[in-house]
Amino acid sequence: MPNIVLYFVAGIFLILTSHFLNGESWSYTGFYFVRLIYGGQTLNGELSIFWFMTVYVITVFLVVMIISFIKSIPMQFLITMVMFGIGTAQPHYHFFSIQVGAMVG
C-alpha cells in the first residue's frame, strides 16, 4: 500500500509540474490523471517509467492468489513458469495470432 500511495503522490506532482512547465491545457492534464489511474502503456513523457508500478501491483496480486488458493508447491511452480513463459513471449504477439485455417490445410 505505501508504494501505491507514493506512486500517486509522485505521479500527481510530476503531472502538475509538467502542466506548468510545458504549458499544457487543463483538459490534457485532467486526462493525464485518468491515465495515471489506468497506468501501464498509457503513460508517456515524464511518467513513462511508471509502467513498472502497474506490473508490480499485478504481480503481487497474482502471487498472493497463487499462494493462497493453490497449496501444491509443484503446481505453484508450474503455474509460475507458464505465466513467465507467457510474459516473455508477449512482445512476440504475432505468436498468439496463428490462424487455425492455415494449420489445417
PDB file of N, CA and C in Angstrom:
ATOM      1  N   MET A   1       0.808  -1.205   0.000  1.00  0.00           N
ATOM      2  CA  MET A   1       0.000   0.000   0.000  1.00  0.00           C
ATOM      3  C   MET A   1       0.854   1.273   0.000  1.00  0.00           C
ATOM      4  N   PRO A   2       1.957   1.303   0.768  1.00  0.00           N
ATOM      5  CA  PRO A   2       2.786   2.523   0.728  1.00  0.00           C
ATOM      6  C   PRO A   2       3.327   2.835  -0.665  1.00  0.00           C
ATOM      7  N   ASN A   3       3.639   1.784  -1.441  1.00  0.00           N
ATOM      8  CA  ASN A   3       4.137   2.008  -2.805  1.00  0.00           C
ATOM      9  C   ASN A   3       3.076   2.614  -3.705  1.00  0.00           C
ATOM     10  N   ILE A   4       1.829   2.193  -3.513  1.00  0.00           N
ATOM     11  CA  ILE A   4       0.743   2.738  -4.330  1.00  0.00           C
ATOM     12  C   ILE A   4       0.512   4.205  -3.981  1.00  0.00           C
ATOM     13  N   VAL A   5       0.561   4.530  -2.687  1.00  0.00           N
ATOM     14  CA  VAL A   5       0.416   5.933  -2.269  1.00  0.00           C
ATOM     15  C   VAL A   5       1.540   6.769  -2.864  1.00  0.00           C
ATOM     16  N   LEU A   6       2.767   6.280  -2.785  1.00  0.00           N
ATOM     17  CA  LEU A   6       3.910   7.006  -3.349  1.00  0.00           C
ATOM     18  C   LEU A   6       3.762   7.170  -4.864  1.00  0.00           C
ATOM     19  N   TYR A   7       3.251   6.138  -5.534  1.00  0.00           N
ATOM     20  CA  TYR A   7       3.007   6.190  -6.973  1.00  0.00           C
ATOM     21  C   TYR A   7       2.092   7.363  -7.321  1.00  0.00           C
ATOM     22  N   PHE A   8       0.974   7.481  -6.594  1.00  0.00           N
ATOM     23  CA  PHE A   8       0.022   8.550  -6.887  1.00  0.00           C
ATOM     24  C   PHE A   8       0.559   9.925  -6.479  1.00  0.00           C
ATOM     25  N   VAL A   9       1.243  10.011  -5.360  1.00  0.00           N
ATOM     26  CA  VAL A   9       1.799  11.302  -4.930  1.00  0.00           C
ATOM     27  C   VAL A   9       2.843  11.786  -5.943  1.00  0.00           C
ATOM     28  N   ALA A  10       3.764  10.903  -6.321  1.00  0.00           N
ATOM     29  CA  ALA A  10       4.792  11.282  -7.295  1.00  0.00           C
ATOM     30  C   ALA A  10       4.165  11.576  -8.653  1.00  0.00           C
ATOM     31  N   GLY A  11       3.178  10.774  -9.045  1.00  0.00           N
ATOM     32  CA  GLY A  11       2.515  10.997 -10.333  1.00  0.00           C
ATOM     33  C   GLY A  11       1.792  12.329 -10.385  1.00  0.00           C
ATOM     34  N   ILE A  12       1.060  12.652  -9.338  1.00  0.00           N
ATOM     35  CA  ILE A  12       0.343  13.937  -9.292  1.00  0.00           C
ATOM     36  C   ILE A  12       1.333  15.099  -9.324  1.00  0.00           C
ATOM     37  N   PHE A  13       2.415  14.973  -8.551  1.00  0.00           N
ATOM     38  CA  PHE A  13       3.432  16.027  -8.544  1.00  0.00           C
ATOM     39  C   PHE A  13       4.032  16.226  -9.935  1.00  0.00           C
ATOM     40  N   LEU A  14       4.392  15.128 -10.593  1.00  0.00           N
ATOM     41  CA  LEU A  14       5.006  15.233 -11.921  1.00  0.00           C
ATOM     42  C   LEU A  14       4.026  15.747 -12.973  1.00  0.00           C
ATOM     43  N   ILE A  15       2.771  15.344 -12.885  1.00  0.00           N
ATOM     44  CA  ILE A  15       1.778  15.829 -13.848  1.00  0.00           C
ATOM     45  C   ILE A  15       1.560  17.328 -13.686  1.00  0.00           C
ATOM     46  N   LEU A  16       1.425  17.778 -12.452  1.00  0.00           N
ATOM     47  CA  LEU A  16       1.224  19.223 -12.227  1.00  0.00           C
ATOM     48  C   LEU A  16       2.464  20.025 -12.606  1.00  0.00           C
ATOM     49  N   THR A  17       3.641  19.514 -12.292  1.00  0.00           N
ATOM     50  CA  THR A  17       4.879  20.191 -12.689  1.00  0.00           C
ATOM     51  C   THR A  17       4.969  20.277 -14.208  1.00  0.00           C
ATOM     52  N   SER A  18       4.677  19.174 -14.892  1.00  0.00           N
ATOM     53  CA  SER A  18       4.690  19.165 -16.349  1.00  0.00           C
ATOM     54  C   SER A  18       3.670  20.151 -16.915  1.00  0.00           C
ATOM     55  N   HIS A  19       2.504  20.237 -16.287  1.00  0.00           N
ATOM     56  CA  HIS A  19       1.463  21.151 -16.750  1.00  0.00           C
ATOM     57  C   HIS A  19       1.967  22.588 -16.768  1.00  0.00           C
ATOM     58  N   PHE A  20       2.614  22.991 -15.692  1.00  0.00           N
ATOM     59  CA  PHE A  20       3.061  24.374 -15.604  1.00  0.00           C
ATOM     60  C   PHE A  20       4.339  24.636 -16.397  1.00  0.00           C
ATOM     61  N   LEU A  21       5.242  23.689 -16.457  1.00  0.00           N
ATOM     62  CA  LEU A  21       6.491  23.892 -17.205  1.00  0.00           C
ATOM     63  C   LEU A  21       6.285  23.826 -18.717  1.00  0.00           C
ATOM     64  N   ASN A  22       5.407  22.940 -19.164  1.00  0.00           N
ATOM     65  CA  ASN A  22       5.189  22.765 -20.601  1.00  0.00           C
ATOM     66  C   ASN A  22       3.997  23.554 -21.125  1.00  0.00           C
ATOM     67  N   GLY A  23       3.251  24.182 -20.237  1.00  0.00           N
ATOM     68  CA  GLY A  23       2.102  24.984 -20.661  1.00  0.00           C
ATOM     69  C   GLY A  23       0.999  24.164 -21.294  1.00  0.00           C
ATOM     70  N   GLU A  24       0.738  22.979 -20.759  1.00  0.00           N
ATOM     71  CA  GLU A  24      -0.293  22.115 -21.327  1.00  0.00           C
ATOM     72  C   GLU A  24      -1.678  22.587 -20.897  1.00  0.00           C
ATOM     73  N   SER A  25      -2.670  22.204 -21.647  1.00  0.00           N
ATOM     74  CA  SER A  25      -4.046  22.599 -21.325  1.00  0.00           C
ATOM     75  C   SER A  25      -4.544  21.797 -20.122  1.00  0.00           C
ATOM     76  N   TRP A  26      -5.565  22.339 -19.459  1.00  0.00           N
ATOM     77  CA  TRP A  26      -6.130  21.638 -18.306  1.00  0.00           C
ATOM     78  C   TRP A  26      -6.848  20.362 -18.731  1.00  0.00           C
ATOM     79  N   SER A  27      -7.382  20.334 -19.941  1.00  0.00           N
ATOM     80  CA  SER A  27      -8.045  19.106 -20.398  1.00  0.00           C
ATOM     81  C   SER A  27      -7.016  17.985 -20.594  1.00  0.00           C
ATOM     82  N   TYR A  28      -5.858  18.341 -21.143  1.00  0.00           N
ATOM     83  CA  TYR A  28      -4.788  17.350 -21.305  1.00  0.00           C
ATOM     84  C   TYR A  28      -4.311  16.868 -19.937  1.00  0.00           C
ATOM     85  N   THR A  29      -4.121  17.809 -19.016  1.00  0.00           N
ATOM     86  CA  THR A  29      -3.662  17.461 -17.676  1.00  0.00           C
ATOM     87  C   THR A  29      -4.689  16.588 -16.959  1.00  0.00           C
ATOM     88  N   GLY A  30      -5.957  16.928 -17.082  1.00  0.00           N
ATOM     89  CA  GLY A  30      -7.005  16.122 -16.462  1.00  0.00           C
ATOM     90  C   GLY A  30      -7.038  14.707 -17.002  1.00  0.00           C
ATOM     91  N   PHE A  31      -6.877  14.586 -18.328  1.00  0.00           N
ATOM     92  CA  PHE A  31      -6.861  13.257 -18.926  1.00  0.00           C
ATOM     93  C   PHE A  31      -5.627  12.481 -18.492  1.00  0.00           C
ATOM     94  N   TYR A  32      -4.529  13.192 -18.245  1.00  0.00           N
ATOM     95  CA  TYR A  32      -3.310  12.521 -17.789  1.00  0.00           C
ATOM     96  C   TYR A  32      -3.521  11.895 -16.408  1.00  0.00           C
ATOM     97  N   PHE A  33      -4.348  12.529 -15.560  1.00  0.00           N
ATOM     98  CA  PHE A  33      -4.671  11.937 -14.260  1.00  0.00           C
ATOM     99  C   PHE A  33      -5.420  10.614 -14.447  1.00  0.00           C
ATOM    100  N   VAL A  34      -6.309  10.560 -15.423  1.00  0.00           N
ATOM    101  CA  VAL A  34      -7.022   9.310 -15.719  1.00  0.00           C
ATOM    102  C   VAL A  34      -6.031   8.253 -16.183  1.00  0.00           C
ATOM    103  N   ARG A  35      -5.091   8.646 -17.013  1.00  0.00           N
ATOM    104  CA  ARG A  35      -4.070   7.712 -17.485  1.00  0.00           C
ATOM    105  C   ARG A  35      -3.192   7.234 -16.334  1.00  0.00           C
ATOM    106  N   LEU A  36      -2.945   8.089 -15.349  1.00  0.00           N
ATOM    107  CA  LEU A  36      -2.173   7.693 -14.174  1.00  0.00           C
ATOM    108  C   LEU A  36      -2.902   6.596 -13.402  1.00  0.00           C
ATOM    109  N   ILE A  37      -4.214   6.701 -13.302  1.00  0.00           N
ATOM    110  CA  ILE A  37      -5.001   5.686 -12.605  1.00  0.00           C
ATOM    111  C   ILE A  37      -4.955   4.363 -13.381  1.00  0.00           C
ATOM    112  N   TYR A  38      -5.087   4.436 -14.691  1.00  0.00           N
ATOM    113  CA  TYR A  38      -5.057   3.228 -15.510  1.00  0.00           C
ATOM    114  C   TYR A  38      -3.653   2.630 -15.546  1.00  0.00           C
ATOM    115  N   GLY A  39      -2.638   3.485 -15.697  1.00  0.00           N
ATOM    116  CA  GLY A  39      -1.243   3.054 -15.671  1.00  0.00           C
ATOM    117  C   GLY A  39      -0.809   2.362 -16.945  1.00  0.00           C
ATOM    118  N   GLY A  40       0.229   1.572 -16.824  1.00  0.00           N
ATOM    119  CA  GLY A  40       0.735   0.774 -17.929  1.00  0.00           C
ATOM    120  C   GLY A  40       1.231   1.587 -19.109  1.00  0.00           C
ATOM    121  N   GLN A  41       0.881   1.149 -20.305  1.00  0.00           N
ATOM    122  CA  GLN A  41       1.373   1.749 -21.532  1.00  0.00           C
ATOM    123  C   GLN A  41       0.729   3.091 -21.851  1.00  0.00           C
ATOM    124  N   THR A  42      -0.283   3.506 -21.084  1.00  0.00           N
ATOM    125  CA  THR A  42      -0.920   4.795 -21.361  1.00  0.00           C
ATOM    126  C   THR A  42      -0.057   5.961 -20.894  1.00  0.00           C
ATOM    127  N   LEU A  43       0.926   5.684 -20.042  1.00  0.00           N
ATOM    128  CA  LEU A  43       1.776   6.752 -19.517  1.00  0.00           C
ATOM    129  C   LEU A  43       2.949   6.993 -20.461  1.00  0.00           C
ATOM    130  N   ASN A  44       3.241   8.257 -20.693  1.00  0.00           N
ATOM    131  CA  ASN A  44       4.383   8.617 -21.529  1.00  0.00           C
ATOM    132  C   ASN A  44       5.007   9.886 -20.979  1.00  0.00           C
ATOM    133  N   GLY A  45       6.016  10.378 -21.653  1.00  0.00           N
ATOM    134  CA  GLY A  45       6.672  11.597 -21.199  1.00  0.00           C
ATOM    135  C   GLY A  45       7.320  11.413 -19.842  1.00  0.00           C
ATOM    136  N   GLU A  46       7.023  12.315 -18.924  1.00  0.00           N
ATOM    137  CA  GLU A  46       7.634  12.289 -17.601  1.00  0.00           C
ATOM    138  C   GLU A  46       7.253  11.046 -16.802  1.00  0.00           C
ATOM    139  N   LEU A  47       6.134  10.429 -17.121  1.00  0.00           N
ATOM    140  CA  LEU A  47       5.656   9.279 -16.354  1.00  0.00           C
ATOM    141  C   LEU A  47       5.869   7.944 -17.060  1.00  0.00           C
ATOM    142  N   SER A  48       6.665   7.911 -18.113  1.00  0.00           N
ATOM    143  CA  SER A  48       6.816   6.668 -18.861  1.00  0.00           C
ATOM    144  C   SER A  48       7.419   5.551 -18.006  1.00  0.00           C
ATOM    145  N   ILE A  49       8.235   5.867 -17.023  1.00  0.00           N
ATOM    146  CA  ILE A  49       8.831   4.843 -16.174  1.00  0.00           C
ATOM    147  C   ILE A  49       7.813   4.230 -15.219  1.00  0.00           C
ATOM    148  N   PHE A  50       6.668   4.848 -15.041  1.00  0.00           N
ATOM    149  CA  PHE A  50       5.681   4.376 -14.085  1.00  0.00           C
ATOM    150  C   PHE A  50       4.970   3.104 -14.540  1.00  0.00           C
ATOM    151  N   TRP A  51       5.262   2.588 -15.730  1.00  0.00           N
ATOM    152  CA  TRP A  51       4.698   1.309 -16.156  1.00  0.00           C
ATOM    153  C   TRP A  51       5.066   0.228 -15.151  1.00  0.00           C
ATOM    154  N   PHE A  52       6.218   0.396 -14.501  1.00  0.00           N
ATOM    155  CA  PHE A  52       6.704  -0.601 -13.557  1.00  0.00           C
ATOM    156  C   PHE A  52       5.713  -0.824 -12.414  1.00  0.00           C
ATOM    157  N   MET A  53       5.089   0.235 -11.942  1.00  0.00           N
ATOM    158  CA  MET A  53       4.185   0.104 -10.804  1.00  0.00           C
ATOM    159  C   MET A  53       2.959  -0.740 -11.168  1.00  0.00           C
ATOM    160  N   THR A  54       2.444  -0.582 -12.356  1.00  0.00           N
ATOM    161  CA  THR A  54       1.313  -1.396 -12.791  1.00  0.00           C
ATOM    162  C   THR A  54       1.696  -2.870 -12.805  1.00  0.00           C
ATOM    163  N   VAL A  55       2.851  -3.164 -13.353  1.00  0.00           N
ATOM    164  CA  VAL A  55       3.331  -4.548 -13.408  1.00  0.00           C
ATOM    165  C   VAL A  55       3.567  -5.087 -12.001  1.00  0.00           C
ATOM    166  N   TYR A  56       4.123  -4.261 -11.139  1.00  0.00           N
ATOM    167  CA  TYR A  56       4.403  -4.665  -9.763  1.00  0.00           C
ATOM    168  C   TYR A  56       3.116  -5.029  -9.020  1.00  0.00           C
ATOM    169  N   VAL A  57       2.108  -4.184  -9.117  1.00  0.00           N
ATOM    170  CA  VAL A  57       0.849  -4.430  -8.406  1.00  0.00           C
ATOM    171  C   VAL A  57       0.169  -5.697  -8.931  1.00  0.00           C
ATOM    172  N   ILE A  58       0.142  -5.874 -10.236  1.00  0.00           N
ATOM    173  CA  ILE A  58      -0.469  -7.079 -10.809  1.00  0.00           C
ATOM    174  C   ILE A  58       0.301  -8.323 -10.370  1.00  0.00           C
ATOM    175  N   THR A  59       1.625  -8.248 -10.353  1.00  0.00           N
ATOM    176  CA  THR A  59       2.448  -9.382  -9.949  1.00  0.00           C
ATOM    177  C   THR A  59       2.206  -9.754  -8.492  1.00  0.00           C
ATOM    178  N   VAL A  60       2.184  -8.764  -7.613  1.00  0.00           N
ATOM    179  CA  VAL A  60       1.926  -9.039  -6.197  1.00  0.00           C
ATOM    180  C   VAL A  60       0.550  -9.672  -6.023  1.00  0.00           C
ATOM    181  N   PHE A  61      -0.451  -9.158  -6.723  1.00  0.00           N
ATOM    182  CA  PHE A  61      -1.802  -9.719  -6.638  1.00  0.00           C
ATOM    183  C   PHE A  61      -1.813 -11.175  -7.085  1.00  0.00           C
ATOM    184  N   LEU A  62      -1.187 -11.471  -8.222  1.00  0.00           N
ATOM    185  CA  LEU A  62      -1.189 -12.842  -8.736  1.00  0.00           C
ATOM    186  C   LEU A  62      -0.417 -13.796  -7.832  1.00  0.00           C
ATOM    187  N   VAL A  63       0.695 -13.346  -7.284  1.00  0.00           N
ATOM    188  CA  VAL A  63       1.467 -14.197  -6.375  1.00  0.00           C
ATOM    189  C   VAL A  63       0.650 -14.528  -5.130  1.00  0.00           C
ATOM    190  N   VAL A  64      -0.023 -13.537  -4.574  1.00  0.00           N
ATOM    191  CA  VAL A  64      -0.870 -13.779  -3.400  1.00  0.00           C
ATOM    192  C   VAL A  64      -1.984 -14.762  -3.747  1.00  0.00           C
ATOM    193  N   MET A  65      -2.599 -14.621  -4.917  1.00  0.00           N
ATOM    194  CA  MET A  65      -3.660 -15.545  -5.332  1.00  0.00           C
ATOM    195  C   MET A  65      -3.120 -16.966  -5.478  1.00  0.00           C
ATOM    196  N   ILE A  66      -1.977 -17.118  -6.102  1.00  0.00           N
ATOM    197  CA  ILE A  66      -1.400 -18.446  -6.303  1.00  0.00           C
ATOM    198  C   ILE A  66      -1.060 -19.092  -4.960  1.00  0.00           C
ATOM    199  N   ILE A  67      -0.412 -18.341  -4.087  1.00  0.00           N
ATOM    200  CA  ILE A  67      -0.021 -18.885  -2.789  1.00  0.00           C
ATOM    201  C   ILE A  67      -1.243 -19.198  -1.922  1.00  0.00           C
ATOM    202  N   SER A  68      -2.268 -18.371  -2.024  1.00  0.00           N
ATOM    203  CA  SER A  68      -3.444 -18.543  -1.167  1.00  0.00           C
ATOM    204  C   SER A  68      -4.339 -19.692  -1.601  1.00  0.00           C
ATOM    205  N   PHE A  69      -4.517 -19.878  -2.887  1.00  0.00           N
ATOM    206  CA  PHE A  69      -5.514 -20.837  -3.361  1.00  0.00           C
ATOM    207  C   PHE A  69      -4.938 -22.151  -3.882  1.00  0.00           C
ATOM    208  N   ILE A  70      -3.660 -22.199  -4.157  1.00  0.00           N
ATOM    209  CA  ILE A  70      -3.054 -23.430  -4.674  1.00  0.00           C
ATOM    210  C   ILE A  70      -2.028 -23.897  -3.652  1.00  0.00           C
ATOM    211  N   LYS A  71      -2.324 -25.008  -3.013  1.00  0.00           N
ATOM    212  CA  LYS A  71      -1.475 -25.490  -1.919  1.00  0.00           C
ATOM    213  C   LYS A  71      -0.306 -26.349  -2.394  1.00  0.00           C
ATOM    214  N   SER A  72      -0.430 -26.954  -3.550  1.00  0.00           N
ATOM    215  CA  SER A  72       0.629 -27.812  -4.073  1.00  0.00           C
ATOM    216  C   SER A  72       1.789 -26.958  -4.600  1.00  0.00           C
ATOM    217  N   ILE A  73       2.962 -27.158  -4.012  1.00  0.00           N
ATOM    218  CA  ILE A  73       4.132 -26.375  -4.439  1.00  0.00           C
ATOM    219  C   ILE A  73       4.527 -26.683  -5.882  1.00  0.00           C
ATOM    220  N   PRO A  74       4.523 -27.949  -6.319  1.00  0.00           N
ATOM    221  CA  PRO A  74       4.821 -28.200  -7.738  1.00  0.00           C
ATOM    222  C   PRO A  74       3.829 -27.510  -8.679  1.00  0.00           C
ATOM    223  N   MET A  75       2.545 -27.452  -8.294  1.00  0.00           N
ATOM    224  CA  MET A  75       1.548 -26.776  -9.128  1.00  0.00           C
ATOM    225  C   MET A  75       1.802 -25.267  -9.130  1.00  0.00           C
ATOM    226  N   GLN A  76       2.180 -24.712  -7.990  1.00  0.00           N
ATOM    227  CA  GLN A  76       2.523 -23.290  -7.924  1.00  0.00           C
ATOM    228  C   GLN A  76       3.692 -22.995  -8.866  1.00  0.00           C
ATOM    229  N   PHE A  77       4.689 -23.867  -8.844  1.00  0.00           N
ATOM    230  CA  PHE A  77       5.854 -23.701  -9.714  1.00  0.00           C
ATOM    231  C   PHE A  77       5.455 -23.780 -11.180  1.00  0.00           C
ATOM    232  N   LEU A  78       4.616 -24.759 -11.523  1.00  0.00           N
ATOM    233  CA  LEU A  78       4.173 -24.921 -12.908  1.00  0.00           C
ATOM    234  C   LEU A  78       3.412 -23.684 -13.386  1.00  0.00           C
ATOM    235  N   ILE A  79       2.493 -23.202 -12.586  1.00  0.00           N
ATOM    236  CA  ILE A  79       1.715 -22.009 -12.955  1.00  0.00           C
ATOM    237  C   ILE A  79       2.640 -20.808 -13.117  1.00  0.00           C
ATOM    238  N   THR A  80       3.592 -20.682 -12.218  1.00  0.00           N
ATOM    239  CA  THR A  80       4.539 -19.566 -12.296  1.00  0.00           C
ATOM    240  C   THR A  80       5.373 -19.643 -13.571  1.00  0.00           C
ATOM    241  N   MET A  81       5.828 -20.828 -13.935  1.00  0.00           N
ATOM    242  CA  MET A  81       6.638 -20.970 -15.141  1.00  0.00           C
ATOM    243  C   MET A  81       5.815 -20.698 -16.404  1.00  0.00           C
ATOM    244  N   VAL A  82       4.561 -21.143 -16.411  1.00  0.00           N
ATOM    245  CA  VAL A  82       3.687 -20.866 -17.555  1.00  0.00           C
ATOM    246  C   VAL A  82       3.461 -19.361 -17.683  1.00  0.00           C
ATOM    247  N   MET A  83       3.192 -18.707 -16.561  1.00  0.00           N
ATOM    248  CA  MET A  83       2.987 -17.254 -16.592  1.00  0.00           C
ATOM    249  C   MET A  83       4.255 -16.529 -17.032  1.00  0.00           C
ATOM    250  N   PHE A  84       5.415 -17.003 -16.580  1.00  0.00           N
ATOM    251  CA  PHE A  84       6.680 -16.419 -17.013  1.00  0.00           C
ATOM    252  C   PHE A  84       6.859 -16.577 -18.516  1.00  0.00           C
ATOM    253  N   GLY A  85       6.544 -17.762 -19.032  1.00  0.00           N
ATOM    254  CA  GLY A  85       6.643 -18.003 -20.473  1.00  0.00           C
ATOM    255  C   GLY A  85       5.732 -17.093 -21.274  1.00  0.00           C
ATOM    256  N   ILE A  86       4.503 -16.934 -20.809  1.00  0.00           N
ATOM    257  CA  ILE A  86       3.571 -16.033 -21.494  1.00  0.00           C
ATOM    258  C   ILE A  86       4.086 -14.597 -21.434  1.00  0.00           C
ATOM    259  N   GLY A  87       4.619 -14.208 -20.271  1.00  0.00           N
ATOM    260  CA  GLY A  87       5.127 -12.844 -20.116  1.00  0.00           C
ATOM    261  C   GLY A  87       6.317 -12.541 -21.001  1.00  0.00           C
ATOM    262  N   THR A  88       7.197 -13.501 -21.180  1.00  0.00           N
ATOM    263  CA  THR A  88       8.352 -13.259 -22.033  1.00  0.00           C
ATOM    264  C   THR A  88       8.011 -13.389 -23.510  1.00  0.00           C
ATOM    265  N   ALA A  89       6.952 -14.114 -23.840  1.00  0.00           N
ATOM    266  CA  ALA A  89       6.542 -14.251 -25.237  1.00  0.00           C
ATOM    267  C   ALA A  89       5.636 -13.098 -25.660  1.00  0.00           C
ATOM    268  N   GLN A  90       5.121 -12.326 -24.720  1.00  0.00           N
ATOM    269  CA  GLN A  90       4.160 -11.262 -25.028  1.00  0.00           C
ATOM    270  C   GLN A  90       4.665 -10.285 -26.083  1.00  0.00           C
ATOM    271  N   PRO A  91       5.946  -9.866 -26.074  1.00  0.00           N
ATOM    272  CA  PRO A  91       6.379  -8.961 -27.151  1.00  0.00           C
ATOM    273  C   PRO A  91       6.255  -9.576 -28.540  1.00  0.00           C
ATOM    274  N   HIS A  92       6.219 -10.891 -28.596  1.00  0.00           N
ATOM    275  CA  HIS A  92       6.066 -11.580 -29.870  1.00  0.00           C
ATOM    276  C   HIS A  92       4.598 -11.952 -30.059  1.00  0.00           C
ATOM    277  N   TYR A  93       3.752 -10.936 -30.013  1.00  0.00           N
ATOM    278  CA  TYR A  93       2.308 -11.139 -30.028  1.00  0.00           C
ATOM    279  C   TYR A  93       1.824 -11.867 -31.271  1.00  0.00           C
ATOM    280  N   HIS A  94       2.577 -11.789 -32.362  1.00  0.00           N
ATOM    281  CA  HIS A  94       2.145 -12.491 -33.572  1.00  0.00           C
ATOM    282  C   HIS A  94       2.069 -13.995 -33.333  1.00  0.00           C
ATOM    283  N   PHE A  95       2.792 -14.497 -32.341  1.00  0.00           N
ATOM    284  CA  PHE A  95       2.752 -15.912 -31.988  1.00  0.00           C
ATOM    285  C   PHE A  95       1.333 -16.342 -31.586  1.00  0.00           C
ATOM    286  N   PHE A  96       0.605 -15.433 -30.927  1.00  0.00           N
ATOM    287  CA  PHE A  96      -0.738 -15.768 -30.444  1.00  0.00           C
ATOM    288  C   PHE A  96      -1.815 -15.579 -31.520  1.00  0.00           C
ATOM    289  N   SER A  97      -1.470 -15.052 -32.675  1.00  0.00           N
ATOM    290  CA  SER A  97      -2.461 -14.809 -33.702  1.00  0.00           C
ATOM    291  C   SER A  97      -2.349 -15.820 -34.846  1.00  0.00           C
ATOM    292  N   ILE A  98      -1.968 -17.041 -34.520  1.00  0.00           N
ATOM    293  CA  ILE A  98      -1.864 -18.098 -35.535  1.00  0.00           C
ATOM    294  C   ILE A  98      -3.259 -18.405 -36.053  1.00  0.00           C
ATOM    295  N   GLN A  99      -3.386 -18.457 -37.362  1.00  0.00           N
ATOM    296  CA  GLN A  99      -4.689 -18.756 -37.960  1.00  0.00           C
ATOM    297  C   GLN A  99      -4.876 -20.266 -38.031  1.00  0.00           C
ATOM    298  N   VAL A 100      -5.962 -20.736 -37.481  1.00  0.00           N
ATOM    299  CA  VAL A 100      -6.228 -22.180 -37.427  1.00  0.00           C
ATOM    300  C   VAL A 100      -6.420 -22.736 -38.835  1.00  0.00           C
ATOM    301  N   GLY A 101      -7.058 -22.016 -39.724  1.00  0.00           N
ATOM    302  CA  GLY A 101      -7.272 -22.480 -41.088  1.00  0.00           C
ATOM    303  C   GLY A 101      -5.979 -22.748 -41.827  1.00  0.00           C
ATOM    304  N   ALA A 102      -4.968 -21.962 -41.560  1.00  0.00           N
ATOM    305  CA  ALA A 102      -3.682 -22.144 -42.223  1.00  0.00           C
ATOM    306  C   ALA A 102      -3.008 -23.416 -41.742  1.00  0.00           C
ATOM    307  N   MET A 103      -3.260 -23.807 -40.495  1.00  0.00           N
ATOM    308  CA  MET A 103      -2.633 -25.013 -39.955  1.00  0.00           C
ATOM    309  C   MET A 103      -3.325 -26.274 -40.459  1.00  0.00           C
ATOM    310  N   VAL A 104      -4.620 -26.177 -40.716  1.00  0.00           N
ATOM    311  CA  VAL A 104      -5.398 -27.374 -41.105  1.00  0.00           C
ATOM    312  C   VAL A 104      -5.079 -27.779 -42.536  1.00  0.00           C
ATOM    313  N   GLY A 105      -4.969 -26.812 -43.400  1.00  0.00           N
ATOM    314  CA  GLY A 105      -4.968 -27.192 -44.750  1.00  0.00           C
ATOM    315  C   GLY A 105      -3.786 -27.015 -45.557  1.00  0.00           C
TER     316      GLY A 105
END
